[in-house]
C-alpha cells in the first residue's frame, strides 16, 4: 500500500475519509511491479555491501531514487535528501542489518506523516525489546499509551523498535502487522484496520484453487491456526496484542476500499452459522516425521519427555506428536534440520529411549482444515477423508486438537495441492 505515490495517495484518502482513524502504522515501499525490488531487500543488500566493501553506494542509489521520486511525485516539502544522507553514512559506518532494514519504514512514515499532515512518532521511542531481542510487550504498551495520548493524529513506522541500549531492533519480516496491533492495543482502539493488497482472507490459497470463497469473519483462534499453517495475509504473531485487549481486526484492500474485507473477532463473539462447517484451509510443505516404535512404550513413565528433550538439545521445535500404544511420531519442519543434525537427533534418540525401531519419513506436507463449526456438525471428518480417498490421496498422519477447531493431515509433498483442492471441493 506504500509502493509509490499513487498508492500512498490512495492510502491517504482512506485515512482522511474517517476522522476516527487516529493512528497509521506503515510498512516500507514494496514492489511496484513484478520486476521491481522491495525497499527492505535493497536496504539489506546495501548493509551487506557496506559490510563487505565499506561502501553501499551502488545499491543505495536505488533507494535514494525510490524515495526522492515518491516525494517529488507527492510534491512534499520534506527534506528527504538529508535523511537519506544520514542513513547512507550510518550504513557505511557499520550500522547493522536491523538498523538498515528499519529505515524503509522510518522514511515511509516520515513521508506519510507529511502527506497527511499528521505528527510523526518514531517507533524506537515506544516499541521496546529486551536485551536478548525478545519483545517487551508491557513496557511497550505503557510507553506507547502515554505517547499516543499526546497526539490526536500520528503516523508510526512499523517493523522495528529498540533494545534497552537504544540500538534499533526489528521484528521478523512482515512485522509491521505486529506494530499495528501494538499501537491498536496502546490506543485502546475500537478497531484495528489492516490495509493490504487483498480483500481479506480466502477459504484457501487462490494459487491452488481459482477464485476461492472469501471469509467474511473468523475468530482469533481460527486466524492463529490458519496463519501458522501458511495463510500469509497477516503475520501470525500480530494477533496477540489485540487479542489481549479484545480489539477486532478488519482486513481491508487499499486498492478496493469499498470491499468489506474480513473481520477477525474474539471467540466469545463467534456466532454459529449452520451453513458454514469449515472456515478455512491452509498448509505447508517440507516436513518430516520421526516415527518411533517401542514395546510397552505406554507404561514407560517420561518417555515423551525424553524424546522431546532430545529435540530441545538440538534446539528443534516440533509441530505435532501423534501417538499410539507402542508408537510415537514427532513431526518437525524439515527446513530446520540438515542431514548431519538429523543424524545426530536419531543417534541421541536411540541412546536415550532405546527404541525397537526408528524411521524418518521426509517430504511431507501438512494441511489444516479449520473452523469452530466442525465441532457442531456430525460427519465432518468423514466428509474430509472421503474426499481425500476419492482423490486417491494417501494420508500419512492425522491429528485433531481437543478443541475440535482443526483437523490436520499429513500427505506426500506431491499430493499437497490435490489435497487442498479435494477438501475445498468437499465443503465449499
Protein backbone atom coordinates (compact mmCIF):
# COMPACT_ATOMS: atom_id res chain seq x y z
CA UNK A 1 0.00 0.00 0.00
CA UNK A 2 3.07 2.31 0.13
CA UNK A 3 4.81 1.24 -3.08
CA UNK A 4 4.62 4.57 -4.89
CA UNK A 5 2.98 7.99 -4.80
CA UNK A 6 -0.26 6.75 -6.33
CA UNK A 7 -0.63 4.03 -3.69
CA UNK A 8 0.25 6.48 -0.93
CA UNK A 9 -2.40 8.89 -2.17
CA UNK A 10 -4.97 6.08 -2.09
CA UNK A 11 -3.96 5.24 1.47
CA UNK A 12 -4.12 8.92 2.46
CA UNK A 13 -7.62 9.25 1.03
CA UNK A 14 -8.72 6.24 3.07
CA UNK A 15 -7.26 7.60 6.31
CA UNK A 16 -8.64 11.10 5.84
CA UNK A 17 -12.11 9.87 4.89
CA UNK A 18 -12.82 8.97 8.53
CA UNK A 19 -11.55 11.22 11.31
CA UNK A 20 -11.89 8.34 13.77
CA UNK A 21 -8.80 6.85 12.12
CA UNK A 22 -6.31 8.34 14.55
CA UNK A 23 -3.06 6.46 14.09
CA UNK A 24 -1.49 4.97 10.97
CA UNK A 25 1.30 2.39 11.07
CA UNK A 26 3.12 1.95 7.77
CA UNK A 27 5.43 -0.52 6.11
CA UNK A 28 8.27 0.19 3.69
CA UNK A 29 7.54 0.58 -0.03
CA UNK A 30 7.08 -2.81 -1.68
CA UNK A 31 7.22 -3.82 -5.31
CA UNK A 32 5.56 -1.60 -7.92
CA UNK A 33 5.50 -4.44 -10.44
CA UNK A 34 6.75 -7.99 -10.88
CA UNK A 35 10.23 -6.87 -11.92
CA UNK A 36 10.66 -4.38 -9.10
CA UNK A 37 12.54 -4.77 -5.81
CA UNK A 38 11.23 -4.21 -2.29
CA UNK A 39 12.92 -1.35 -0.46
CA UNK A 40 13.60 -3.61 2.53
CA UNK A 41 15.50 -6.05 0.30
CA UNK A 42 17.53 -3.16 -1.10
CA UNK A 43 18.38 -1.97 2.40
CA UNK A 44 19.56 -5.43 3.43
CA UNK A 45 21.68 -5.53 0.27
CA UNK A 46 23.10 -2.08 1.00
CA UNK A 47 24.12 -3.10 4.50
CA UNK A 48 25.78 -6.27 3.20
CA UNK A 49 27.63 -4.32 0.53
CA UNK A 50 28.91 -1.87 3.14
CA UNK A 51 29.97 -4.72 5.43
CA UNK A 52 31.79 -6.46 2.57
CA UNK A 53 33.36 -3.48 0.82
CA UNK A 54 32.92 -0.47 3.09
CA UNK A 55 30.60 1.28 0.63
CA UNK A 56 26.89 0.76 -0.08
CA UNK A 57 26.85 3.42 -2.81
CA UNK A 58 25.74 1.50 -5.88
CA UNK A 59 22.90 -0.24 -4.08
CA UNK A 60 21.91 2.82 -2.07
CA UNK A 61 21.42 4.83 -5.26
CA UNK A 62 18.32 2.74 -5.97
CA UNK A 63 16.95 3.53 -2.52
CA UNK A 64 17.62 7.25 -2.97
CA UNK A 65 15.91 7.27 -6.36
CA UNK A 66 12.88 5.47 -4.94
CA UNK A 67 12.28 7.85 -2.04
CA UNK A 68 13.17 11.08 -3.81
CA UNK A 69 10.87 10.03 -6.65
CA UNK A 70 7.97 9.41 -4.25
CA UNK A 71 8.48 12.79 -2.57
CA UNK A 72 8.67 14.57 -5.92
CA UNK A 73 5.51 12.88 -7.18
CA UNK A 74 3.69 13.79 -3.97
CA UNK A 75 5.05 17.37 -4.16
CA UNK A 76 6.01 17.29 -0.50
CA UNK A 77 8.02 19.95 1.30
CA UNK A 78 10.14 17.36 3.05
CA UNK A 79 13.95 17.31 3.02
CA UNK A 80 14.27 13.61 2.34
CA UNK A 81 17.80 14.03 0.94
CA UNK A 82 19.19 14.92 4.38
CA UNK A 83 17.54 11.83 5.89
CA UNK A 84 18.93 9.65 3.11
CA UNK A 85 22.42 11.08 3.52
CA UNK A 86 22.44 10.25 7.24
CA UNK A 87 21.18 6.71 6.64
CA UNK A 88 23.82 6.11 3.97
CA UNK A 89 26.51 7.43 6.29
CA UNK A 90 25.29 5.22 9.13
CA UNK A 91 25.27 2.11 6.94
CA UNK A 92 28.75 2.83 5.60
CA UNK A 93 29.82 3.48 9.18
CA UNK A 94 28.98 -0.06 10.26
CA UNK A 95 25.27 0.01 11.17
CA UNK A 96 23.86 -3.49 11.40
CA UNK A 97 21.12 -5.15 9.34
CA UNK A 98 18.40 -4.34 11.89
CA UNK A 99 19.09 -0.61 11.57
CA UNK A 100 19.41 -0.73 7.79
CA UNK A 101 16.17 -2.66 7.25
CA UNK A 102 14.22 -0.41 9.61
CA UNK A 103 14.95 2.71 7.58
CA UNK A 104 12.41 1.74 4.92
CA UNK A 105 9.59 2.02 7.45
CA UNK A 106 11.16 5.10 9.02
CA UNK A 107 11.26 7.02 5.73
CA UNK A 108 7.86 5.70 4.67
CA UNK A 109 6.32 7.03 7.90
CA UNK A 110 8.05 10.39 7.53
CA UNK A 111 6.61 10.74 4.03
CA UNK A 112 3.12 9.57 5.01
CA UNK A 113 3.00 11.91 8.02
CA UNK A 114 3.89 14.83 5.75
CA UNK A 115 1.26 13.76 3.22
CA UNK A 116 -1.46 13.50 5.87
CA UNK A 117 -0.43 16.47 8.00
CA UNK A 118 -0.15 14.12 11.00
CA UNK A 119 2.50 14.03 13.72
CA UNK A 120 5.39 11.57 13.37
CA UNK A 121 6.23 9.25 16.29
CA UNK A 122 9.44 7.26 15.94
CA UNK A 123 8.88 3.61 16.86
CA UNK A 124 12.25 3.30 18.59
CA UNK A 125 10.94 5.56 21.38
CA UNK A 126 7.86 3.45 22.18
CA UNK A 127 8.42 -0.14 20.96
CA UNK A 128 10.86 -1.92 23.22
CA UNK A 129 12.74 -5.21 23.19
CA UNK A 130 14.61 -6.95 25.99
CA UNK A 131 18.40 -7.21 25.72
CA UNK A 132 18.07 -10.73 24.28
CA UNK A 133 15.94 -9.41 21.40
CA UNK A 134 12.54 -10.66 22.59
CA UNK A 135 9.65 -8.22 22.55
CA UNK A 136 8.86 -6.38 25.81
CA UNK A 137 5.07 -6.17 25.48
CA UNK A 138 4.06 -4.50 28.74
CA UNK A 139 6.79 -1.84 28.81
CA UNK A 140 5.96 -1.07 25.18
CA UNK A 141 2.26 -0.76 25.95
CA UNK A 142 2.93 1.68 28.80
CA UNK A 143 5.28 3.84 26.74
CA UNK A 144 3.10 3.81 23.65
CA UNK A 145 -0.10 4.61 25.54
CA UNK A 146 1.50 7.65 27.17
CA UNK A 147 2.98 8.90 23.90
CA UNK A 148 -0.15 8.37 21.82
CA UNK A 149 -2.18 10.34 24.35
CA UNK A 150 -0.07 13.37 23.41
CA UNK A 151 -1.02 13.18 19.71
CA UNK A 152 -4.51 13.45 18.26
CA UNK A 153 -3.31 12.06 14.91
CA UNK A 154 0.03 10.40 14.18
CA UNK A 155 1.97 8.11 11.86
CA UNK A 156 4.25 5.47 13.35
CA UNK A 157 6.72 3.32 11.39
CA UNK A 158 6.16 -0.42 11.68
CA UNK A 159 8.59 -3.33 11.89
CA UNK A 160 11.06 -2.02 14.48
CA UNK A 161 11.72 -0.73 17.98
CA UNK A 162 14.81 -0.57 20.15
CA UNK A 163 16.82 -2.52 22.70
CA UNK A 164 17.47 -1.13 26.21
CA UNK A 165 20.74 0.24 24.85
CA UNK A 166 18.83 2.29 22.28
CA UNK A 167 20.06 0.17 19.35
CA UNK A 168 17.42 -0.48 16.68
CA UNK A 169 15.83 -3.93 16.64
CA UNK A 170 13.41 -5.30 14.04
CA UNK A 171 10.66 -7.89 14.18
CA UNK A 172 10.72 -10.73 11.65
CA UNK A 173 9.67 -9.91 8.09
CA UNK A 174 6.07 -8.74 7.94
CA UNK A 175 6.45 -7.25 11.40
CA UNK A 176 4.56 -4.06 10.55
CA UNK A 177 1.41 -6.12 11.20
CA UNK A 178 2.67 -6.65 14.75
CA UNK A 179 3.45 -2.95 15.13
CA UNK A 180 -0.08 -2.06 14.03
CA UNK A 181 -1.54 -4.39 16.64
CA UNK A 182 0.76 -2.94 19.32
CA UNK A 183 -0.44 0.58 18.55
CA UNK A 184 -4.09 -0.53 18.46
CA UNK A 185 -3.76 -2.03 21.93
CA UNK A 186 -1.93 1.01 23.35
CA UNK A 187 -4.54 3.36 21.88
CA UNK A 188 -7.39 1.19 23.23
CA UNK A 189 -8.75 1.26 19.72
CA UNK A 190 -12.29 0.29 18.81
CA UNK A 191 -10.95 -1.34 15.65
CA UNK A 192 -7.59 -2.30 14.14
CA UNK A 193 -7.76 -1.98 10.35
CA UNK A 194 -5.04 -3.75 8.40
CA UNK A 195 -4.96 -2.37 4.85
CA UNK A 196 -3.18 -4.55 2.35
CA UNK A 197 -3.48 -5.61 -1.30
CA UNK A 198 -6.18 -8.27 -0.87
CA UNK A 199 -9.82 -8.01 0.19
CA UNK A 200 -9.46 -10.24 3.23
CA UNK A 201 -8.86 -13.94 3.84
CA UNK A 202 -9.86 -16.54 1.30
CA UNK A 203 -11.00 -20.02 2.34
CA UNK A 204 -7.80 -21.35 0.77
CA UNK A 205 -4.84 -20.22 -1.31
CA UNK A 206 -6.07 -18.75 -4.63
CA UNK A 207 -2.86 -20.02 -6.24
CA UNK A 208 -4.17 -23.54 -5.66
CA UNK A 209 -7.94 -23.08 -6.08
CA UNK A 210 -9.10 -20.46 -8.57
CA UNK A 211 -11.38 -17.78 -7.08
CA UNK A 212 -11.98 -19.38 -3.69
CA UNK A 213 -14.72 -18.03 -1.43
CA UNK A 214 -13.87 -15.12 0.86
CA UNK A 215 -14.11 -15.49 4.62
CA UNK A 216 -16.38 -12.76 5.95
CA UNK A 217 -15.45 -13.33 9.59
CA UNK A 218 -13.29 -15.59 11.71
CA UNK A 219 -12.08 -15.71 15.30
CA UNK A 220 -8.62 -15.03 16.70
CA UNK A 221 -8.21 -18.76 17.32
CA UNK A 222 -9.10 -19.64 13.74
CA UNK A 223 -6.77 -16.93 12.45
CA UNK A 224 -3.94 -18.25 14.60
CA UNK A 225 -4.36 -21.75 13.18
CA UNK A 226 -4.59 -20.58 9.57
CA UNK A 227 -1.73 -18.08 9.81
CA UNK A 228 0.56 -20.61 11.45
CA UNK A 229 -0.17 -23.06 8.64
CA UNK A 230 0.73 -20.63 5.90
CA UNK A 231 -2.24 -18.29 5.29
CA UNK A 232 0.01 -15.27 4.98
CA UNK A 233 -2.36 -12.30 4.91
CA UNK A 234 -1.31 -11.35 8.46
CA UNK A 235 1.88 -12.00 10.42
CA UNK A 236 0.99 -14.91 12.77
CA UNK A 237 2.20 -13.00 15.86
CA UNK A 238 0.18 -9.88 15.08
CA UNK A 239 -2.99 -11.07 16.79
CA UNK A 240 -1.55 -11.29 20.32
CA UNK A 241 -1.64 -7.59 21.31
CA UNK A 242 -5.17 -7.04 20.00
CA UNK A 243 -6.50 -10.38 21.25
CA UNK A 244 -5.38 -9.45 24.75
CA UNK A 245 -7.41 -6.23 24.50
CA UNK A 246 -10.25 -7.94 22.56
CA UNK A 247 -9.95 -5.46 19.70
CA UNK A 248 -11.42 -6.72 16.40
CA UNK A 249 -9.28 -6.67 13.25
CA UNK A 250 -10.60 -5.73 9.83
CA UNK A 251 -8.52 -6.85 6.84
CA UNK A 252 -9.16 -4.38 4.01
CA UNK A 253 -7.90 -3.75 0.47
CA UNK A 254 -6.25 -0.39 -0.18
CA UNK A 255 -6.98 -0.72 -3.88
CA UNK A 256 -10.63 -1.71 -3.39
CA UNK A 257 -11.66 0.25 -0.28
CA UNK A 258 -15.40 -0.38 -0.75
CA UNK A 259 -14.89 -4.10 -0.05
CA UNK A 260 -15.90 -5.03 3.50
CA UNK A 261 -12.92 -7.35 3.84
CA UNK A 262 -12.64 -9.91 6.63
CA UNK A 263 -13.47 -9.26 10.29
CA UNK A 264 -11.42 -11.06 12.94
CA UNK A 265 -13.24 -11.17 16.26
CA UNK A 266 -12.85 -12.55 19.80
CA UNK A 267 -14.02 -16.15 20.13
CA UNK A 268 -16.75 -15.13 22.58
CA UNK A 269 -18.38 -13.13 19.76
CA UNK A 270 -18.47 -16.13 17.43
CA UNK A 271 -21.98 -16.96 16.25
CA UNK A 272 -22.53 -20.35 14.72
CA UNK A 273 -23.59 -20.33 11.09
CA UNK A 274 -25.42 -23.53 10.13
CA UNK A 275 -24.37 -23.03 6.52
CA UNK A 276 -20.66 -22.96 7.32
CA UNK A 277 -18.90 -26.08 8.52
CA UNK A 278 -15.30 -25.01 7.94
CA UNK A 279 -13.74 -21.57 7.95
CA UNK A 280 -10.53 -22.10 6.03
CA UNK A 281 -7.90 -24.50 4.73
CA UNK A 282 -4.16 -23.86 4.83
CA UNK A 283 -0.97 -25.86 4.70
CA UNK A 284 2.76 -26.05 4.21
CA UNK A 285 5.22 -28.43 2.60
CA UNK A 286 8.57 -29.96 3.56
CA UNK A 287 8.00 -31.50 6.98
CA UNK A 288 9.47 -34.75 8.19
CA UNK A 289 8.24 -37.36 10.65
CA UNK A 290 10.40 -39.27 13.10
CA UNK A 291 8.48 -42.49 13.79
CA UNK A 292 9.47 -44.31 16.99
CA UNK A 293 8.34 -47.83 17.91
CA UNK A 294 8.90 -49.49 21.30
CA UNK A 295 7.01 -52.27 23.02
CA UNK A 296 5.34 -51.21 26.28
CA UNK A 297 6.02 -47.56 25.48
CA UNK A 298 2.72 -46.61 27.12
CA UNK A 299 3.86 -47.89 30.53
CA UNK A 300 7.26 -46.17 30.45
CA UNK A 301 6.86 -43.02 32.54
CA UNK A 302 8.53 -39.97 30.98
CA UNK A 303 9.00 -41.49 27.52
CA UNK A 304 7.58 -38.48 25.64
CA UNK A 305 9.59 -36.09 27.83
CA UNK A 306 12.79 -37.94 26.94
CA UNK A 307 12.00 -37.75 23.22
CA UNK A 308 11.27 -34.03 23.40
CA UNK A 309 14.40 -33.41 25.48
CA UNK A 310 16.44 -34.67 22.53
CA UNK A 311 14.81 -32.14 20.22
CA UNK A 312 15.38 -29.44 22.84
CA UNK A 313 19.07 -30.40 22.99
CA UNK A 314 19.32 -29.71 19.26
CA UNK A 315 17.16 -26.53 19.56
CA UNK A 316 14.48 -28.01 17.30
CA UNK A 317 10.77 -27.42 17.91
CA UNK A 318 8.08 -29.93 16.97
CA UNK A 319 4.80 -29.34 15.14
CA UNK A 320 2.73 -32.40 16.11
CA UNK A 321 3.18 -35.57 18.14
CA UNK A 322 0.57 -38.22 17.33
CA UNK A 323 0.99 -41.46 19.26
CA UNK A 324 -0.32 -44.99 19.78
CA UNK A 325 0.23 -47.62 22.47
CA UNK A 326 3.68 -48.61 21.25
CA UNK A 327 4.34 -45.87 18.69
CA UNK A 328 5.03 -42.19 18.63
CA UNK A 329 5.65 -39.81 15.74
CA UNK A 330 7.22 -36.39 16.01
CA UNK A 331 6.58 -34.01 13.11
CA UNK A 332 9.21 -31.31 12.60
CA UNK A 333 9.90 -28.66 9.99
CA UNK A 334 12.30 -30.22 7.53
CA UNK A 335 13.96 -26.89 6.78
CA UNK A 336 15.02 -26.57 10.45
CA UNK A 337 17.36 -29.57 10.32
CA UNK A 338 20.13 -30.56 7.96
CA UNK A 339 21.30 -34.10 7.27
CA UNK A 340 24.02 -34.00 9.93
CA UNK A 341 21.70 -32.64 12.60
CA UNK A 342 19.02 -35.19 11.74
CA UNK A 343 21.55 -37.98 12.02
CA UNK A 344 22.59 -36.59 15.42
CA UNK A 345 18.97 -36.48 16.59
CA UNK A 346 18.40 -40.10 15.56
CA UNK A 347 21.57 -41.33 17.31
CA UNK A 348 20.70 -39.49 20.50
CA UNK A 349 17.12 -40.82 20.43
CA UNK A 350 18.50 -44.35 20.14
CA UNK A 351 20.72 -43.74 23.17
CA UNK A 352 18.05 -42.03 25.29
CA UNK A 353 14.89 -44.13 24.67
CA UNK A 354 16.26 -47.39 23.19
CA UNK A 355 13.54 -47.80 20.54
CA UNK A 356 12.78 -51.13 18.86
CA UNK A 357 12.67 -49.27 15.56
CA UNK A 358 13.04 -45.71 14.38
CA UNK A 359 12.22 -44.39 10.91
CA UNK A 360 12.33 -40.99 9.23
CA UNK A 361 9.74 -40.08 6.60
CA UNK A 362 10.62 -36.87 4.72
CA UNK A 363 8.91 -34.67 2.14
CA UNK A 364 5.59 -34.45 3.94
CA UNK A 365 3.03 -31.67 3.60
CA UNK A 366 0.61 -30.66 6.35
CA UNK A 367 -2.82 -29.29 5.63
CA UNK A 368 -5.09 -27.86 8.32
CA UNK A 369 -8.87 -27.68 7.95
CA UNK A 370 -10.01 -25.08 10.47
CA UNK A 371 -13.36 -23.94 11.83
CA UNK A 372 -15.42 -23.67 15.01
CA UNK A 373 -18.34 -25.08 13.04
CA UNK A 374 -16.71 -28.52 12.75
CA UNK A 375 -17.48 -29.37 16.38
CA UNK A 376 -21.21 -28.89 15.73
CA UNK A 377 -21.51 -30.89 12.52
CA UNK A 378 -21.62 -34.67 12.62
CA UNK A 379 -19.73 -36.42 9.86
CA UNK A 380 -17.22 -33.61 9.20
CA UNK A 381 -14.19 -35.90 9.41
CA UNK A 382 -15.99 -38.49 7.26
CA UNK A 383 -16.60 -35.91 4.52
CA UNK A 384 -12.98 -34.83 4.62
CA UNK A 385 -11.46 -38.30 4.39
CA UNK A 386 -14.00 -39.45 1.84
CA UNK A 387 -12.88 -36.53 -0.36
CA UNK A 388 -9.21 -37.46 0.10
CA UNK A 389 -9.94 -41.10 -0.70
CA UNK A 390 -11.86 -40.17 -3.83
CA UNK A 391 -8.86 -38.09 -4.94
CA UNK A 392 -6.57 -41.12 -4.43
CA UNK A 393 -4.54 -39.34 -1.72
CA UNK A 394 -2.63 -41.43 0.84
CA UNK A 395 -2.91 -39.87 4.31
CA UNK A 396 0.32 -40.35 6.26
CA UNK A 397 -0.76 -38.80 9.57
CA UNK A 398 -3.94 -37.48 11.22
CA UNK A 399 -4.06 -35.09 14.18
CA UNK A 400 -7.01 -33.25 15.74
CA UNK A 401 -6.84 -30.87 18.68
CA UNK A 402 -9.03 -31.32 21.73
CA UNK A 403 -10.90 -28.12 20.88
CA UNK A 404 -12.12 -29.71 17.62
CA UNK A 405 -11.05 -26.49 15.93
CA UNK A 406 -8.94 -28.18 13.27
CA UNK A 407 -8.14 -31.44 11.54
CA UNK A 408 -4.56 -31.78 10.35
CA UNK A 409 -3.44 -34.37 7.85
CA UNK A 410 0.00 -35.15 6.50
CA UNK A 411 0.38 -36.24 2.89
CA UNK A 412 3.28 -36.52 0.48
CA UNK A 413 4.53 -33.19 -0.84
CA UNK A 414 3.46 -34.26 -4.31
CA UNK A 415 -0.16 -34.58 -3.14
CA UNK A 416 -0.35 -31.22 -1.33
CA UNK A 417 -2.19 -29.14 -3.93
CA UNK A 418 -4.51 -32.05 -4.71
CA UNK A 419 -5.33 -32.31 -1.00
CA UNK A 420 -6.29 -28.64 -0.69
CA UNK A 421 -8.48 -28.89 -3.80
CA UNK A 422 -10.20 -32.05 -2.54
CA UNK A 423 -11.02 -30.58 0.88
CA UNK A 424 -12.23 -27.31 -0.65
CA UNK A 425 -14.44 -29.22 -3.06
CA UNK A 426 -15.96 -31.23 -0.22
CA UNK A 427 -17.02 -28.23 1.86
CA UNK A 428 -17.35 -25.20 -0.43
